[in-house]
Amino acid sequence: NAKNTVYLQMNSLNPEDTANYYCAASTRIWEGLRVGVRQDEYDYWGQ
């Protein structure tokens, strides 16, 4: 949070992991420990 950055460390990659990867941020999830798994829970998306 000090860098306003999230990371995704990906190990043991395989061809099925080939894709365009997007990060998304949610203003709709208020619970501190809940993780959103649905796209409609996220408001902002990267390119």
All heavy atoms as atom14 arrays in JSON, in Angstrom:
{
  "sequence": "NAKNTVYLQMNSLNPEDTANYYCAASTRIWEGLRVGVRQDEYDYWGQ",
  "atom14_mask": [
    [1, 1, 1, 1, 1, 1, 1, 1, 0, 0, 0, 0, 0, 0],
    [1, 1, 1, 1, 1, 0, 0, 0, 0, 0, 0, 0, 0, 0],
    [1, 1, 1, 1, 1, 1, 1, 1, 1, 0, 0, 0, 0, 0],
    [1, 1, 1, 1, 1, 1, 1, 1, 0, 0, 0, 0, 0, 0],
    [1, 1, 1, 1, 1, 1, 1, 0, 0, 0, 0, 0, 0, 0],
    [1, 1, 1, 1, 1, 1, 1, 0, 0, 0, 0, 0, 0, 0],
    [1, 1, 1, 1, 1, 1, 1, 1, 1, 1, 1, 1, 0, 0],
    [1, 1, 1, 1, 1, 1, 1, 1, 0, 0, 0, 0, 0, 0],
    [1, 1, 1, 1, 1, 1, 1, 1, 1, 0, 0, 0, 0, 0],
    [1, 1, 1, 1, 1, 1, 1, 1, 0, 0, 0, 0, 0, 0],
    [1, 1, 1, 1, 1, 1, 1, 1, 0, 0, 0, 0, 0, 0],
    [1, 1, 1, 1, 1, 1, 0, 0, 0, 0, 0, 0, 0, 0],
    [1, 1, 1, 1, 1, 1, 1, 1, 0, 0, 0, 0, 0, 0],
    [1, 1, 1, 1, 1, 1, 1, 1, 0, 0, 0, 0, 0, 0],
    [1, 1, 1, 1, 1, 1, 1, 0, 0, 0, 0, 0, 0, 0],
    [1, 1, 1, 1, 1, 1, 1, 1, 1, 0, 0, 0, 0, 0],
    [1, 1, 1, 1, 1, 1, 1, 1, 0, 0, 0, 0, 0, 0],
    [1, 1, 1, 1, 1, 1, 1, 0, 0, 0, 0, 0, 0, 0],
    [1, 1, 1, 1, 1, 0, 0, 0, 0, 0, 0, 0, 0, 0],
    [1, 1, 1, 1, 1, 1, 1, 1, 0, 0, 0, 0, 0, 0],
    [1, 1, 1, 1, 1, 1, 1, 1, 1, 1, 1, 1, 0, 0],
    [1, 1, 1, 1, 1, 1, 1, 1, 1, 1, 1, 1, 0, 0],
    [1, 1, 1, 1, 1, 1, 0, 0, 0, 0, 0, 0, 0, 0],
    [1, 1, 1, 1, 1, 0, 0, 0, 0, 0, 0, 0, 0, 0],
    [1, 1, 1, 1, 1, 0, 0, 0, 0, 0, 0, 0, 0, 0],
    [1, 1, 1, 1, 1, 1, 0, 0, 0, 0, 0, 0, 0, 0],
    [1, 1, 1, 1, 1, 1, 1, 0, 0, 0, 0, 0, 0, 0],
    [1, 1, 1, 1, 1, 1, 1, 1, 1, 1, 1, 0, 0, 0],
    [1, 1, 1, 1, 1, 1, 1, 1, 0, 0, 0, 0, 0, 0],
    [1, 1, 1, 1, 1, 1, 1, 1, 1, 1, 1, 1, 1, 1],
    [1, 1, 1, 1, 1, 1, 1, 1, 1, 0, 0, 0, 0, 0],
    [1, 1, 1, 1, 0, 0, 0, 0, 0, 0, 0, 0, 0, 0],
    [1, 1, 1, 1, 1, 1, 1, 1, 0, 0, 0, 0, 0, 0],
    [1, 1, 1, 1, 1, 1, 1, 1, 1, 1, 1, 0, 0, 0],
    [1, 1, 1, 1, 1, 1, 1, 0, 0, 0, 0, 0, 0, 0],
    [1, 1, 1, 1, 0, 0, 0, 0, 0, 0, 0, 0, 0, 0],
    [1, 1, 1, 1, 1, 1, 1, 0, 0, 0, 0, 0, 0, 0],
    [1, 1, 1, 1, 1, 1, 1, 1, 1, 1, 1, 0, 0, 0],
    [1, 1, 1, 1, 1, 1, 1, 1, 1, 0, 0, 0, 0, 0],
    [1, 1, 1, 1, 1, 1, 1, 1, 0, 0, 0, 0, 0, 0],
    [1, 1, 1, 1, 1, 1, 1, 1, 1, 0, 0, 0, 0, 0],
    [1, 1, 1, 1, 1, 1, 1, 1, 1, 1, 1, 1, 0, 0],
    [1, 1, 1, 1, 1, 1, 1, 1, 0, 0, 0, 0, 0, 0],
    [1, 1, 1, 1, 1, 1, 1, 1, 1, 1, 1, 1, 0, 0],
    [1, 1, 1, 1, 1, 1, 1, 1, 1, 1, 1, 1, 1, 1],
    [1, 1, 1, 1, 0, 0, 0, 0, 0, 0, 0, 0, 0, 0],
    [1, 1, 1, 1, 1, 1, 1, 1, 1, 0, 0, 0, 0, 0]
  ],
  "atom14_positions": [
    [[0.82, -1.21, 0.0], [0.0, 0.0, 0.0], [0.85, 1.26, 0.0], [0.41, 2.31, -0.49], [-0.94, -0.01, 1.2], [-2.1, -0.96, 1.0], [-2.41, -1.36, -0.13], [-2.73, -1.35, 2.09], [0.0, 0.0, 0.0], [0.0, 0.0, 0.0], [0.0, 0.0, 0.0], [0.0, 0.0, 0.0], [0.0, 0.0, 0.0], [0.0, 0.0, 0.0]],
    [[2.05, 1.18, 0.54], [2.92, 2.36, 0.52], [3.28, 2.75, -0.9], [3.54, 3.92, -1.19], [4.18, 2.08, 1.33], [0.0, 0.0, 0.0], [0.0, 0.0, 0.0], [0.0, 0.0, 0.0], [0.0, 0.0, 0.0], [0.0, 0.0, 0.0], [0.0, 0.0, 0.0], [0.0, 0.0, 0.0], [0.0, 0.0, 0.0], [0.0, 0.0, 0.0]],
    [[3.3, 1.76, -1.8], [3.62, 2.01, -3.2], [2.38, 2.01, -4.08], [2.49, 2.12, -5.31], [4.61, 0.97, -3.71], [5.96, 1.0, -3.01], [6.9, -0.04, -3.6], [8.27, 0.03, -2.93], [9.21, -0.97, -3.48], [0.0, 0.0, 0.0], [0.0, 0.0, 0.0], [0.0, 0.0, 0.0], [0.0, 0.0, 0.0], [0.0, 0.0, 0.0]],
    [[1.22, 1.82, -3.47], [-0.02, 1.75, -4.25], [0.09, 0.72, -5.38], [-0.32, 0.97, -6.52], [-0.38, 3.12, -4.84], [-1.39, 3.86, -4.0], [-1.81, 3.39, -2.95], [-1.79, 5.02, -4.45], [0.0, 0.0, 0.0], [0.0, 0.0, 0.0], [0.0, 0.0, 0.0], [0.0, 0.0, 0.0], [0.0, 0.0, 0.0], [0.0, 0.0, 0.0]],
    [[0.62, -0.41, -5.04], [0.9, -1.44, -6.04], [0.51, -2.81, -5.52], [0.7, -3.1, -4.33], [2.4, -1.44, -6.42], [2.76, -0.14, -6.9], [2.7, -2.47, -7.5], [0.0, 0.0, 0.0], [0.0, 0.0, 0.0], [0.0, 0.0, 0.0], [0.0, 0.0, 0.0], [0.0, 0.0, 0.0], [0.0, 0.0, 0.0], [0.0, 0.0, 0.0]],
    [[-0.03, -3.62, -6.4], [-0.25, -5.03, -6.1], [0.58, -5.85, -7.08], [0.92, -5.39, -8.18], [-1.73, -5.44, -6.17], [-2.54, -4.69, -5.14], [-2.29, -5.26, -7.57], [0.0, 0.0, 0.0], [0.0, 0.0, 0.0], [0.0, 0.0, 0.0], [0.0, 0.0, 0.0], [0.0, 0.0, 0.0], [0.0, 0.0, 0.0], [0.0, 0.0, 0.0]],
    [[0.89, -7.05, -6.66], [1.75, -7.92, -7.45], [1.09, -9.28, -7.63], [0.3, -9.72, -6.81], [3.09, -8.11, -6.74], [3.8, -6.82, -6.41], [3.7, -6.24, -5.15], [4.57, -6.18, -7.38], [4.34, -5.06, -4.86], [5.22, -4.99, -7.09], [5.11, -4.44, -5.84], [5.75, -3.26, -5.55], [0.0, 0.0, 0.0], [0.0, 0.0, 0.0]],
    [[1.48, -9.92, -8.7], [1.08, -11.3, -8.92], [2.34, -12.07, -9.31], [2.83, -11.92, -10.43], [0.01, -11.42, -10.01], [-0.55, -12.83, -10.2], [-1.35, -13.26, -8.97], [-1.43, -12.91, -11.45], [0.0, 0.0, 0.0], [0.0, 0.0, 0.0], [0.0, 0.0, 0.0], [0.0, 0.0, 0.0], [0.0, 0.0, 0.0], [0.0, 0.0, 0.0]],
    [[2.85, -12.84, -8.38], [4.01, -13.68, -8.64], [3.51, -14.98, -9.25], [2.7, -15.68, -8.64], [4.78, -13.96, -7.35], [5.96, -14.89, -7.54], [7.06, -14.28, -8.38], [7.4, -13.11, -8.22], [7.62, -15.07, -9.29], [0.0, 0.0, 0.0], [0.0, 0.0, 0.0], [0.0, 0.0, 0.0], [0.0, 0.0, 0.0], [0.0, 0.0, 0.0]],
    [[3.99, -15.29, -10.45], [3.52, -16.47, -11.17], [4.69, -17.41, -11.38], [5.66, -17.07, -12.07], [2.92, -16.05, -12.51], [1.83, -14.99, -12.39], [0.98, -14.65, -13.95], [2.33, -14.01, -14.92], [0.0, 0.0, 0.0], [0.0, 0.0, 0.0], [0.0, 0.0, 0.0], [0.0, 0.0, 0.0], [0.0, 0.0, 0.0], [0.0, 0.0, 0.0]],
    [[4.59, -18.58, -10.79], [5.64, -19.59, -10.91], [5.09, -20.82, -11.65], [3.88, -21.0, -11.77], [6.14, -20.01, -9.53], [6.76, -18.85, -8.76], [7.34, -17.94, -9.35], [6.63, -18.9, -7.44], [0.0, 0.0, 0.0], [0.0, 0.0, 0.0], [0.0, 0.0, 0.0], [0.0, 0.0, 0.0], [0.0, 0.0, 0.0], [0.0, 0.0, 0.0]],
    [[6.01, -21.65, -12.09], [5.63, -22.9, -12.78], [4.61, -22.64, -13.88], [3.6, -23.34, -13.99], [5.08, -23.92, -11.77], [6.02, -24.2, -10.77], [0.0, 0.0, 0.0], [0.0, 0.0, 0.0], [0.0, 0.0, 0.0], [0.0, 0.0, 0.0], [0.0, 0.0, 0.0], [0.0, 0.0, 0.0], [0.0, 0.0, 0.0], [0.0, 0.0, 0.0]],
    [[4.88, -21.64, -14.67], [3.95, -21.27, -15.73], [3.85, -22.37, -16.78], [4.83, -23.07, -17.08], [4.39, -19.96, -16.37], [4.14, -18.72, -15.51], [4.98, -17.55, -15.98], [2.66, -18.35, -15.54], [0.0, 0.0, 0.0], [0.0, 0.0, 0.0], [0.0, 0.0, 0.0], [0.0, 0.0, 0.0], [0.0, 0.0, 0.0], [0.0, 0.0, 0.0]],
    [[2.66, -22.49, -17.34], [2.45, -23.45, -18.42], [1.7, -22.76, -19.55], [1.16, -21.65, -19.36], [1.71, -24.69, -17.91], [0.38, -24.36, -17.29], [-0.51, -23.82, -17.96], [0.21, -24.67, -16.01], [0.0, 0.0, 0.0], [0.0, 0.0, 0.0], [0.0, 0.0, 0.0], [0.0, 0.0, 0.0], [0.0, 0.0, 0.0], [0.0, 0.0, 0.0]],
    [[1.67, -23.34, -20.73], [1.04, -22.67, -21.88], [-0.42, -22.28, -21.64], [-0.9, -21.31, -22.23], [1.17, -23.7, -23.0], [2.41, -24.46, -22.65], [2.39, -24.55, -21.15], [0.0, 0.0, 0.0], [0.0, 0.0, 0.0], [0.0, 0.0, 0.0], [0.0, 0.0, 0.0], [0.0, 0.0, 0.0], [0.0, 0.0, 0.0], [0.0, 0.0, 0.0]],
    [[-1.1, -23.0, -20.75], [-2.5, -22.65, -20.46], [-2.63, -21.34, -19.71], [-3.74, -20.79, -19.59], [-3.17, -23.77, -19.66], [-3.42, -25.07, -20.42], [-2.14, -25.82, -20.76], [-1.22, -25.85, -19.91], [-2.05, -26.37, -21.88], [0.0, 0.0, 0.0], [0.0, 0.0, 0.0], [0.0, 0.0, 0.0], [0.0, 0.0, 0.0], [0.0, 0.0, 0.0]],
    [[-1.53, -20.82, -19.2], [-1.55, -19.53, -18.52], [-1.42, -18.36, -19.5], [-1.5, -17.2, -19.09], [-0.4, -19.45, -17.51], [-0.54, -20.45, -16.39], [-1.66, -20.59, -15.85], [0.47, -21.1, -16.04], [0.0, 0.0, 0.0], [0.0, 0.0, 0.0], [0.0, 0.0, 0.0], [0.0, 0.0, 0.0], [0.0, 0.0, 0.0], [0.0, 0.0, 0.0]],
    [[-1.21, -18.65, -20.77], [-1.1, -17.59, -21.77], [-2.4, -16.82, -21.87], [-3.47, -17.4, -22.1], [-0.75, -18.2, -23.14], [0.56, -18.78, -23.08], [-0.78, -17.13, -24.22], [0.0, 0.0, 0.0], [0.0, 0.0, 0.0], [0.0, 0.0, 0.0], [0.0, 0.0, 0.0], [0.0, 0.0, 0.0], [0.0, 0.0, 0.0], [0.0, 0.0, 0.0]],
    [[-2.31, -15.52, -21.67], [-3.51, -14.67, -21.66], [-3.08, -13.22, -21.48], [-1.92, -12.93, -21.15], [-4.46, -15.07, -20.55], [0.0, 0.0, 0.0], [0.0, 0.0, 0.0], [0.0, 0.0, 0.0], [0.0, 0.0, 0.0], [0.0, 0.0, 0.0], [0.0, 0.0, 0.0], [0.0, 0.0, 0.0], [0.0, 0.0, 0.0], [0.0, 0.0, 0.0]],
    [[-4.04, -12.35, -21.65], [-3.87, -10.95, -21.26], [-4.36, -10.83, -19.82], [-5.48, -11.26, -19.5], [-4.68, -10.05, -22.18], [-4.12, -8.65, -22.25], [-3.08, -8.34, -21.68], [-4.82, -7.78, -22.95], [0.0, 0.0, 0.0], [0.0, 0.0, 0.0], [0.0, 0.0, 0.0], [0.0, 0.0, 0.0], [0.0, 0.0, 0.0], [0.0, 0.0, 0.0]],
    [[-3.5, -10.3, -18.95], [-3.81, -10.24, -17.53], [-4.2, -8.81, -17.15], [-3.49, -7.85, -17.48], [-2.61, -10.69, -16.7], [-2.43, -12.18, -16.69], [-2.01, -12.86, -17.83], [-2.71, -12.93, -15.55], [-1.86, -14.24, -17.84], [-2.56, -14.31, -15.54], [-2.15, -14.96, -16.69], [-2.01, -16.33, -16.69], [0.0, 0.0, 0.0], [0.0, 0.0, 0.0]],
    [[-5.31, -8.71, -16.44], [-5.85, -7.42, -16.03], [-5.93, -7.34, -14.5], [-6.29, -8.33, -13.86], [-7.26, -7.24, -16.56], [-7.4, -7.29, -18.05], [-7.59, -8.51, -18.71], [-7.35, -6.12, -18.81], [-7.72, -8.56, -20.08], [-7.49, -6.17, -20.19], [-7.67, -7.38, -20.82], [-7.8, -7.43, -22.18], [0.0, 0.0, 0.0], [0.0, 0.0, 0.0]],
    [[-5.62, -6.17, -13.97], [-5.95, -5.96, -12.56], [-7.17, -5.06, -12.48], [-7.46, -4.29, -13.41], [-4.78, -5.38, -11.78], [-4.35, -3.69, -12.18], [0.0, 0.0, 0.0], [0.0, 0.0, 0.0], [0.0, 0.0, 0.0], [0.0, 0.0, 0.0], [0.0, 0.0, 0.0], [0.0, 0.0, 0.0], [0.0, 0.0, 0.0], [0.0, 0.0, 0.0]],
    [[-7.87, -5.18, -11.38], [-9.1, -4.44, -11.18], [-9.23, -4.06, -9.72], [-8.79, -4.81, -8.84], [-10.3, -5.27, -11.63], [0.0, 0.0, 0.0], [0.0, 0.0, 0.0], [0.0, 0.0, 0.0], [0.0, 0.0, 0.0], [0.0, 0.0, 0.0], [0.0, 0.0, 0.0], [0.0, 0.0, 0.0], [0.0, 0.0, 0.0], [0.0, 0.0, 0.0]],
    [[-9.83, -2.91, -9.47], [-10.04, -2.43, -8.11], [-11.52, -2.24, -7.86], [-12.27, -1.84, -8.76], [-9.29, -1.12, -7.89], [0.0, 0.0, 0.0], [0.0, 0.0, 0.0], [0.0, 0.0, 0.0], [0.0, 0.0, 0.0], [0.0, 0.0, 0.0], [0.0, 0.0, 0.0], [0.0, 0.0, 0.0], [0.0, 0.0, 0.0], [0.0, 0.0, 0.0]],
    [[-11.91, -2.49, -6.63], [-13.33, -2.43, -6.28], [-13.58, -1.38, -5.21], [-12.84, -1.28, -4.23], [-13.77, -3.79, -5.75], [-15.09, -3.71, -5.25], [0.0, 0.0, 0.0], [0.0, 0.0, 0.0], [0.0, 0.0, 0.0], [0.0, 0.0, 0.0], [0.0, 0.0, 0.0], [0.0, 0.0, 0.0], [0.0, 0.0, 0.0], [0.0, 0.0, 0.0]],
    [[-14.62, -0.6, -5.44], [-15.11, 0.31, -4.4], [-16.37, -0.24, -3.76], [-16.95, 0.39, -2.88], [-15.43, 1.7, -4.98], [-16.48, 1.56, -5.93], [-14.22, 2.31, -5.65], [0.0, 0.0, 0.0], [0.0, 0.0, 0.0], [0.0, 0.0, 0.0], [0.0, 0.0, 0.0], [0.0, 0.0, 0.0], [0.0, 0.0, 0.0], [0.0, 0.0, 0.0]],
    [[-16.78, -1.43, -4.19], [-18.06, -1.98, -3.74], [-17.91, -3.0, -2.61], [-18.89, -3.35, -1.97], [-18.77, -2.65, -4.92], [-18.87, -1.76, -6.12], [-19.55, -2.43, -7.27], [-19.44, -1.62, -8.47], [-20.17, -1.79, -9.55], [-21.06, -2.76, -9.59], [-20.0, -1.03, -10.6], [0.0, 0.0, 0.0], [0.0, 0.0, 0.0], [0.0, 0.0, 0.0]],
    [[-16.7, -3.49, -2.43], [-16.48, -4.5, -1.4], [-16.03, -3.78, -0.14], [-14.93, -3.23, -0.09], [-15.41, -5.52, -1.86], [-15.91, -6.27, -3.1], [-15.09, -6.49, -0.74], [-14.89, -7.18, -3.73], [0.0, 0.0, 0.0], [0.0, 0.0, 0.0], [0.0, 0.0, 0.0], [0.0, 0.0, 0.0], [0.0, 0.0, 0.0], [0.0, 0.0, 0.0]],
    [[-16.9, -3.8, 0.86], [-16.62, -3.04, 2.07], [-16.03, -3.91, 3.19], [-15.36, -3.39, 4.08], [-17.91, -2.39, 2.57], [-18.31, -1.26, 1.7], [-19.23, -1.27, 0.7], [-17.79, 0.07, 1.74], [-19.31, -0.04, 0.11], [-18.45, 0.8, 0.72], [-16.83, 0.71, 2.53], [-18.18, 2.15, 0.49], [-16.57, 2.05, 2.29], [-17.23, 2.75, 1.29]],
    [[-16.31, -5.19, 3.11], [-15.8, -6.05, 4.17], [-14.28, -6.14, 4.07], [-13.73, -6.35, 2.99], [-16.4, -7.46, 4.06], [-17.92, -7.48, 4.14], [-18.58, -7.38, 2.77], [-17.98, -6.76, 1.87], [-19.67, -7.93, 2.61], [0.0, 0.0, 0.0], [0.0, 0.0, 0.0], [0.0, 0.0, 0.0], [0.0, 0.0, 0.0], [0.0, 0.0, 0.0]],
    [[-13.62, -5.99, 5.19], [-12.16, -5.92, 5.16], [-11.48, -7.16, 4.65], [-10.41, -7.08, 4.05], [0.0, 0.0, 0.0], [0.0, 0.0, 0.0], [0.0, 0.0, 0.0], [0.0, 0.0, 0.0], [0.0, 0.0, 0.0], [0.0, 0.0, 0.0], [0.0, 0.0, 0.0], [0.0, 0.0, 0.0], [0.0, 0.0, 0.0], [0.0, 0.0, 0.0]],
    [[-12.1, -8.31, 4.87], [-11.44, -9.56, 4.54], [-12.04, -10.26, 3.32], [-11.58, -11.33, 2.94], [-11.48, -10.53, 5.72], [-10.53, -10.21, 6.87], [-10.79, -11.15, 8.05], [-9.08, -10.34, 6.42], [0.0, 0.0, 0.0], [0.0, 0.0, 0.0], [0.0, 0.0, 0.0], [0.0, 0.0, 0.0], [0.0, 0.0, 0.0], [0.0, 0.0, 0.0]],
    [[-13.03, -9.65, 2.71], [-13.65, -10.34, 1.58], [-12.89, -10.12, 0.28], [-12.41, -9.02, 0.0], [-15.1, -9.88, 1.41], [-15.86, -10.74, 0.38], [-17.34, -10.58, 0.54], [-17.87, -9.38, -0.07], [-18.15, -9.25, -1.36], [-17.92, -10.25, -2.18], [-18.65, -8.13, -1.82], [0.0, 0.0, 0.0], [0.0, 0.0, 0.0], [0.0, 0.0, 0.0]],
    [[-12.8, -11.18, -0.49], [-12.16, -11.12, -1.79], [-13.23, -11.25, -2.86], [-14.05, -12.15, -2.8], [-11.13, -12.25, -1.95], [-10.54, -12.25, -3.37], [-10.03, -12.12, -0.91], [0.0, 0.0, 0.0], [0.0, 0.0, 0.0], [0.0, 0.0, 0.0], [0.0, 0.0, 0.0], [0.0, 0.0, 0.0], [0.0, 0.0, 0.0], [0.0, 0.0, 0.0]],
    [[-13.25, -10.36, -3.79], [-14.2, -10.42, -4.88], [-13.73, -11.34, -5.98], [-12.58, -11.26, -6.41], [0.0, 0.0, 0.0], [0.0, 0.0, 0.0], [0.0, 0.0, 0.0], [0.0, 0.0, 0.0], [0.0, 0.0, 0.0], [0.0, 0.0, 0.0], [0.0, 0.0, 0.0], [0.0, 0.0, 0.0], [0.0, 0.0, 0.0], [0.0, 0.0, 0.0]],
    [[-14.62, -12.22, -6.45], [-14.25, -13.13, -7.53], [-15.03, -12.86, -8.81], [-14.71, -13.41, -9.86], [-14.45, -14.61, -7.11], [-13.57, -14.94, -5.91], [-15.91, -14.88, -6.81], [0.0, 0.0, 0.0], [0.0, 0.0, 0.0], [0.0, 0.0, 0.0], [0.0, 0.0, 0.0], [0.0, 0.0, 0.0], [0.0, 0.0, 0.0], [0.0, 0.0, 0.0]],
    [[-16.03, -12.01, -8.73], [-16.85, -11.7, -9.9], [-16.4, -10.39, -10.53], [-16.08, -9.42, -9.84], [-18.33, -11.6, -9.52], [-18.91, -12.83, -8.89], [-20.45, -12.73, -8.88], [-20.92, -11.4, -8.54], [-21.21, -11.02, -7.31], [-21.05, -11.86, -6.31], [-21.66, -9.8, -7.08], [0.0, 0.0, 0.0], [0.0, 0.0, 0.0], [0.0, 0.0, 0.0]],
    [[-16.45, -10.33, -11.83], [-16.03, -9.12, -12.53], [-16.91, -7.93, -12.19], [-16.42, -6.79, -12.13], [-16.03, -9.37, -14.04], [-15.03, -10.42, -14.47], [-15.03, -10.64, -15.96], [-14.89, -9.7, -16.75], [-15.18, -11.9, -16.38], [0.0, 0.0, 0.0], [0.0, 0.0, 0.0], [0.0, 0.0, 0.0], [0.0, 0.0, 0.0], [0.0, 0.0, 0.0]],
    [[-18.19, -8.19, -11.95], [-19.1, -7.07, -11.68], [-18.91, -6.47, -10.29], [-19.57, -5.49, -9.95], [-20.55, -7.49, -11.9], [-21.02, -8.59, -10.97], [-20.26, -9.0, -10.07], [-22.17, -9.04, -11.14], [0.0, 0.0, 0.0], [0.0, 0.0, 0.0], [0.0, 0.0, 0.0], [0.0, 0.0, 0.0], [0.0, 0.0, 0.0], [0.0, 0.0, 0.0]],
    [[-18.01, -7.03, -9.51], [-17.69, -6.44, -8.22], [-16.62, -5.36, -8.33], [-16.32, -4.69, -7.34], [-17.21, -7.53, -7.25], [-18.3, -8.55, -6.9], [-17.82, -9.58, -5.91], [-17.0, -10.45, -6.29], [-18.26, -9.52, -4.74], [0.0, 0.0, 0.0], [0.0, 0.0, 0.0], [0.0, 0.0, 0.0], [0.0, 0.0, 0.0], [0.0, 0.0, 0.0]],
    [[-16.04, -5.24, -9.52], [-14.92, -4.33, -9.72], [-15.31, -3.15, -10.6], [-16.02, -3.29, -11.59], [-13.74, -5.09, -10.33], [-13.15, -6.07, -9.36], [-13.63, -7.38, -9.29], [-12.14, -5.69, -8.49], [-13.1, -8.28, -8.37], [-11.62, -6.58, -7.57], [-12.1, -7.87, -7.51], [-11.59, -8.75, -6.6], [0.0, 0.0, 0.0], [0.0, 0.0, 0.0]],
    [[-14.81, -1.97, -10.19], [-15.18, -0.74, -10.88], [-14.12, -0.25, -11.85], [-14.44, 0.38, -12.86], [-15.4, 0.37, -9.84], [-16.36, -0.04, -8.76], [-17.57, 0.05, -9.0], [-15.89, -0.47, -7.7], [0.0, 0.0, 0.0], [0.0, 0.0, 0.0], [0.0, 0.0, 0.0], [0.0, 0.0, 0.0], [0.0, 0.0, 0.0], [0.0, 0.0, 0.0]],
    [[-12.87, -0.46, -11.49], [-11.77, 0.1, -12.27], [-10.89, -1.02, -12.8], [-10.57, -1.96, -12.08], [-10.94, 1.06, -11.41], [-11.75, 2.19, -10.85], [-12.15, 2.18, -9.51], [-12.14, 3.25, -11.65], [-12.9, 3.2, -9.0], [-12.9, 4.28, -11.14], [-13.28, 4.25, -9.81], [-14.03, 5.28, -9.31], [0.0, 0.0, 0.0], [0.0, 0.0, 0.0]],
    [[-10.51, -0.86, -14.06], [-9.73, -1.89, -14.74], [-8.53, -1.27, -15.44], [-8.6, -0.16, -15.97], [-10.59, -2.6, -15.79], [-11.69, -3.4, -15.19], [-12.9, -2.94, -14.75], [-11.7, -4.81, -14.97], [-13.64, -3.98, -14.25], [-12.94, -5.14, -14.38], [-10.76, -5.82, -15.2], [-13.27, -6.45, -14.03], [-11.1, -7.13, -14.86], [-12.33, -7.43, -14.28]],
    [[-7.44, -2.01, -15.45], [-6.29, -1.6, -16.24], [-6.43, -2.05, -17.68], [-7.42, -2.68, -18.05], [0.0, 0.0, 0.0], [0.0, 0.0, 0.0], [0.0, 0.0, 0.0], [0.0, 0.0, 0.0], [0.0, 0.0, 0.0], [0.0, 0.0, 0.0], [0.0, 0.0, 0.0], [0.0, 0.0, 0.0], [0.0, 0.0, 0.0], [0.0, 0.0, 0.0]],
    [[-5.43, -1.74, -18.47], [-5.44, -2.07, -19.9], [-4.94, -3.48, -20.17], [-5.13, -4.0, -21.27], [-4.58, -1.07, -20.67], [-5.15, 0.34, -20.66], [-6.51, 0.41, -21.29], [-6.71, -0.04, -22.43], [-7.48, 0.95, -20.57], [0.0, 0.0, 0.0], [0.0, 0.0, 0.0], [0.0, 0.0, 0.0], [0.0, 0.0, 0.0], [0.0, 0.0, 0.0]]
  ]
}
